[in-house]
Amino acid sequence: MKKNIGNTDKTIRIALAIALILLFTFNVVSGILGYVFLGMAIVMALTSFVSFCPLYTLFGINTCPAKKKK
């Protein structure tokens, strides 16, 4: 797996995951929508920890900074 998620993208994903988990935990969002939010939070957290998003490869997106060649 080639990394395609940069540091800014990781930070945003983790912040959104925490927000979604908090919304579910404090019953702001409940029912099926709450479980959808919880699933999204888990996926965002996992993709940020491994620095790879499968959807980015499908759409050709890469937020990693380009490595300088010497």
Protein backbone atom coordinates (compact mmCIF):
# COMPACT_ATOMS: atom_id res chain seq x y z
CA MET A 1 0.00 0.00 0.00
CA LYS A 2 1.35 3.33 -1.04
CA LYS A 3 0.52 6.15 1.38
CA ASN A 4 -1.89 8.69 -0.05
CA ILE A 5 -3.01 10.64 3.04
CA GLY A 6 -0.99 13.65 4.22
CA ASN A 7 -0.64 15.05 7.74
CA THR A 8 -3.33 17.72 7.36
CA ASP A 9 -5.75 15.14 6.00
CA LYS A 10 -4.94 12.81 8.92
CA THR A 11 -5.64 15.57 11.44
CA ILE A 12 -8.97 16.43 9.85
CA ARG A 13 -10.01 12.77 9.69
CA ILE A 14 -9.16 12.16 13.35
CA ALA A 15 -10.98 15.32 14.45
CA LEU A 16 -14.08 14.31 12.47
CA ALA A 17 -13.92 10.77 13.85
CA ILE A 18 -13.78 12.09 17.41
CA ALA A 19 -16.69 14.46 16.73
CA LEU A 20 -18.82 11.66 15.27
CA ILE A 21 -18.04 9.35 18.16
CA LEU A 22 -18.96 12.08 20.65
CA LEU A 23 -22.24 12.75 18.85
CA PHE A 24 -23.09 9.06 19.11
CA THR A 25 -21.90 8.73 22.71
CA PHE A 26 -23.96 11.65 24.01
CA ASN A 27 -27.07 10.55 22.06
CA VAL A 28 -27.18 13.66 19.91
CA VAL A 29 -27.56 11.28 16.99
CA SER A 30 -29.20 7.93 17.62
CA GLY A 31 -30.74 5.02 15.78
CA ILE A 32 -29.54 3.92 12.38
CA LEU A 33 -27.96 7.30 11.63
CA GLY A 34 -25.98 7.05 14.85
CA TYR A 35 -24.59 3.67 13.82
CA VAL A 36 -23.76 5.02 10.37
CA PHE A 37 -21.85 7.88 12.01
CA LEU A 38 -20.05 5.41 14.27
CA GLY A 39 -19.06 3.29 11.26
CA MET A 40 -17.81 6.35 9.41
CA ALA A 41 -15.78 7.38 12.45
CA ILE A 42 -14.13 3.96 12.65
CA VAL A 43 -13.27 4.00 8.94
CA MET A 44 -11.85 7.54 9.15
CA ALA A 45 -9.74 6.66 12.17
CA LEU A 46 -8.40 3.46 10.58
CA THR A 47 -7.53 5.12 7.28
CA SER A 48 -5.75 7.95 9.08
CA PHE A 49 -3.65 5.52 11.14
CA VAL A 50 -2.52 3.51 8.09
CA SER A 51 -2.23 6.63 5.87
CA PHE A 52 -4.10 4.93 3.05
CA CYS A 53 -7.59 5.57 1.68
CA PRO A 54 -8.89 3.13 -0.95
CA LEU A 55 -11.33 5.73 -2.32
CA TYR A 56 -8.46 8.12 -2.99
CA THR A 57 -6.86 5.53 -5.29
CA LEU A 58 -10.11 5.16 -7.24
CA PHE A 59 -10.35 8.92 -7.79
CA GLY A 60 -6.59 9.51 -8.19
CA ILE A 61 -6.31 11.76 -5.13
CA ASN A 62 -3.07 11.99 -3.16
CA THR A 63 -2.66 14.43 -0.27
CA CYS A 64 0.86 13.31 0.67
CA PRO A 65 3.52 15.92 0.00
CA ALA A 66 5.77 15.11 -2.94
CA LYS A 67 9.13 13.69 -1.94
CA LYS A 68 12.11 15.67 -3.16
CA LYS A 69 14.49 13.88 -5.49
CA LYS A 70 18.19 14.25 -4.89
